[in-house]
């Protein structure tokens, strides 16, 4: 084979189309026991005897998070209800102040996040429930509480949902 001599000319336009998808952000949460070595809390969160003058709270728990492909932040919110009962949460950030009787309509908080993290815990400072990530020893302690109204005639039995959103 022989090569012809002469000049090469690039007189056309090449178009390259790149396709692909951006991986969707994912976040998962697990409620953990408040112990030296936290374990999965499981199901069946028991409260103390309910009355209509004060909130009765269950035991403390931690919120463990794992996230991937996050570009901005992670937000947490609690929801749940039952007729004739008021539900709330309380939290104690590491080194902070106990804040009680926070209605479920109040967001647990938002923390800046980027990329991927595994087995990190929701933590806060002073009176903020969640605005950072940390270890189990520096995590915010949470508890769920309920208070009955005078119209309550059935026992409390409801599903409480912790929603994690990655933005």
Protein backbone atom coordinates (compact mmCIF):
# COMPACT_ATOMS: atom_id res chain seq x y z
CA UNK A 1 0.00 0.00 0.00
CA UNK A 2 1.35 3.41 -0.83
CA UNK A 3 0.43 6.75 0.61
CA UNK A 4 -0.36 9.57 -1.72
CA UNK A 5 1.47 12.77 -1.10
CA UNK A 6 -0.34 16.00 -0.71
CA UNK A 7 -2.11 18.16 1.83
CA UNK A 8 -4.94 16.96 4.01
CA UNK A 9 -7.87 19.28 4.29
CA UNK A 10 -10.49 19.27 7.05
CA UNK A 11 -13.39 20.96 5.38
CA UNK A 12 -16.29 19.35 7.28
CA UNK A 13 -17.76 19.68 10.72
CA UNK A 14 -17.80 16.75 13.07
CA UNK A 15 -20.61 16.60 15.59
CA UNK A 16 -20.31 14.41 18.64
CA UNK A 17 -23.33 13.87 20.84
CA UNK A 18 -22.68 12.70 24.35
CA UNK A 19 -25.49 11.02 26.22
CA UNK A 20 -25.80 9.76 29.72
CA UNK A 21 -27.78 10.13 32.86
CA UNK A 22 -26.93 11.84 36.08
CA UNK A 23 -27.35 9.38 38.95
CA UNK A 24 -30.28 10.31 41.14
CA UNK A 25 -29.50 11.27 44.72
CA UNK A 26 -30.42 8.62 47.28
CA UNK A 27 -30.65 8.77 51.03
CA UNK A 28 -31.63 6.18 53.58
CA UNK A 29 -32.22 6.45 57.31
CA UNK A 30 -32.21 3.97 60.17
CA UNK A 31 -33.32 4.72 63.72
CA UNK A 32 -30.66 3.50 66.12
CA UNK A 33 -30.67 2.84 69.85
CA UNK A 34 -28.96 5.38 72.08
CA UNK A 35 -26.28 3.03 73.37
CA UNK A 36 -22.49 2.87 73.50
CA UNK A 37 -22.73 0.65 70.41
CA UNK A 38 -25.92 1.77 68.62
CA UNK A 39 -28.08 -0.98 67.09
CA UNK A 40 -31.10 -0.88 64.78
CA UNK A 41 -34.03 0.31 66.87
CA UNK A 42 -36.45 -2.00 65.08
CA UNK A 43 -40.21 -1.54 65.38
CA UNK A 44 -42.58 -0.92 68.25
CA UNK A 45 -41.75 2.42 69.83
CA UNK A 46 -43.40 2.42 73.26
CA UNK A 47 -44.45 5.58 75.06
CA UNK A 48 -45.12 6.11 78.73
CA UNK A 49 -48.66 6.43 80.08
CA UNK A 50 -50.43 9.14 78.11
CA UNK A 51 -52.42 11.96 79.62
CA UNK A 52 -53.82 15.26 78.41
CA UNK A 53 -51.67 17.65 80.41
CA UNK A 54 -48.13 16.86 79.25
CA UNK A 55 -46.36 14.95 76.49
CA UNK A 56 -45.16 11.45 77.39
CA UNK A 57 -41.93 10.54 75.60
CA UNK A 58 -40.44 7.22 74.61
CA UNK A 59 -36.77 6.32 74.79
CA UNK A 60 -34.07 8.27 72.97
CA UNK A 61 -32.89 7.25 69.53
CA UNK A 62 -30.29 8.35 66.98
CA UNK A 63 -30.79 8.88 63.25
CA UNK A 64 -28.19 7.15 61.06
CA UNK A 65 -27.98 8.25 57.42
CA UNK A 66 -26.36 6.93 54.29
CA UNK A 67 -26.48 9.02 51.12
CA UNK A 68 -25.10 8.99 47.59
CA UNK A 69 -24.98 11.40 44.63
CA UNK A 70 -26.10 14.33 46.78
CA UNK A 71 -25.17 17.76 45.46
CA UNK A 72 -26.62 20.26 47.96
CA UNK A 73 -28.21 19.02 51.19
CA UNK A 74 -30.22 16.44 53.08
CA UNK A 75 -33.43 17.36 54.94
CA UNK A 76 -35.33 15.40 57.61
CA UNK A 77 -39.00 15.65 58.60
CA UNK A 78 -41.29 13.63 60.89
CA UNK A 79 -44.94 12.90 60.16
CA UNK A 80 -47.75 10.86 61.62
CA UNK A 81 -51.05 11.42 63.34
CA UNK A 82 -53.97 9.83 65.12
CA UNK A 83 -57.30 11.40 65.97
CA UNK A 84 -57.49 12.84 69.49
CA UNK A 85 -53.71 12.75 70.03
CA UNK A 86 -51.02 15.36 69.60
CA UNK A 87 -47.58 14.14 68.48
CA UNK A 88 -44.29 15.93 69.00
CA UNK A 89 -40.58 15.27 69.22
CA UNK A 90 -37.78 16.44 71.44
CA UNK A 91 -34.07 16.60 70.75
CA UNK A 92 -30.81 17.16 72.54
CA UNK A 93 -27.93 18.13 70.26
CA UNK A 94 -24.47 17.08 71.40
CA UNK A 95 -23.41 19.64 73.98
CA UNK A 96 -26.68 21.50 73.41
CA UNK A 97 -29.94 22.18 75.16
CA UNK A 98 -32.95 19.86 75.39
CA UNK A 99 -35.80 21.18 73.23
CA UNK A 100 -39.16 19.54 73.95
CA UNK A 101 -42.66 19.47 72.50
CA UNK A 102 -41.63 20.35 68.93
CA UNK A 103 -44.65 19.72 66.66
CA UNK A 104 -44.23 17.37 63.72
CA UNK A 105 -45.03 20.31 61.43
CA UNK A 106 -41.58 21.71 62.35
CA UNK A 107 -38.81 20.28 60.17
CA UNK A 108 -36.14 18.26 61.95
CA UNK A 109 -33.57 20.21 59.93
CA UNK A 110 -31.29 20.40 56.92
CA UNK A 111 -27.57 19.78 56.59
CA UNK A 112 -25.21 20.57 53.76
CA UNK A 113 -24.12 17.40 51.99
CA UNK A 114 -22.12 16.54 48.92
CA UNK A 115 -21.24 13.23 47.31
CA UNK A 116 -21.55 10.04 49.30
CA UNK A 117 -21.44 9.16 52.99
CA UNK A 118 -22.08 5.92 54.83
CA UNK A 119 -23.23 5.42 58.42
CA UNK A 120 -23.16 9.05 59.47
CA UNK A 121 -25.43 10.45 62.17
CA UNK A 122 -27.73 13.47 62.33
CA UNK A 123 -26.20 16.01 64.65
CA UNK A 124 -26.80 19.61 65.58
CA UNK A 125 -25.57 22.38 67.81
CA UNK A 126 -27.12 24.34 70.66
CA UNK A 127 -30.87 24.17 69.96
CA UNK A 128 -30.71 22.92 66.36
CA UNK A 129 -31.76 19.28 65.96
CA UNK A 130 -30.02 18.62 62.65
CA UNK A 131 -27.63 20.79 60.68
CA UNK A 132 -24.54 18.56 60.37
CA UNK A 133 -23.33 14.98 60.18
CA UNK A 134 -21.18 13.22 62.74
CA UNK A 135 -20.42 10.10 64.72
CA UNK A 136 -22.81 8.33 67.07
CA UNK A 137 -21.13 9.91 70.10
CA UNK A 138 -21.78 13.43 68.75
CA UNK A 139 -25.24 12.69 67.39
CA UNK A 140 -28.43 14.45 68.42
CA UNK A 141 -30.65 12.39 70.72
CA UNK A 142 -34.30 12.31 69.61
CA UNK A 143 -37.51 11.06 71.24
CA UNK A 144 -41.15 10.96 70.12
CA UNK A 145 -43.91 12.13 72.45
CA UNK A 146 -47.70 12.08 72.51
CA UNK A 147 -50.41 13.78 74.48
CA UNK A 148 -54.06 12.76 74.43
CA UNK A 149 -56.94 15.17 74.11
CA UNK A 150 -59.96 14.89 76.37
CA UNK A 151 -61.80 13.19 73.50
CA UNK A 152 -59.37 10.24 73.33
CA UNK A 153 -61.11 6.93 74.00
CA UNK A 154 -58.83 4.52 72.11
CA UNK A 155 -55.18 3.67 72.68
CA UNK A 156 -52.53 5.34 70.56
CA UNK A 157 -51.42 3.13 67.70
CA UNK A 158 -50.06 4.98 64.69
CA UNK A 159 -47.26 4.93 62.16
CA UNK A 160 -44.64 7.63 62.43
CA UNK A 161 -42.59 8.35 59.33
CA UNK A 162 -39.15 9.92 59.14
CA UNK A 163 -38.68 11.32 55.64
CA UNK A 164 -35.20 12.06 54.32
CA UNK A 165 -34.92 14.19 51.19
CA UNK A 166 -31.76 14.77 49.18
CA UNK A 167 -31.60 17.97 47.14
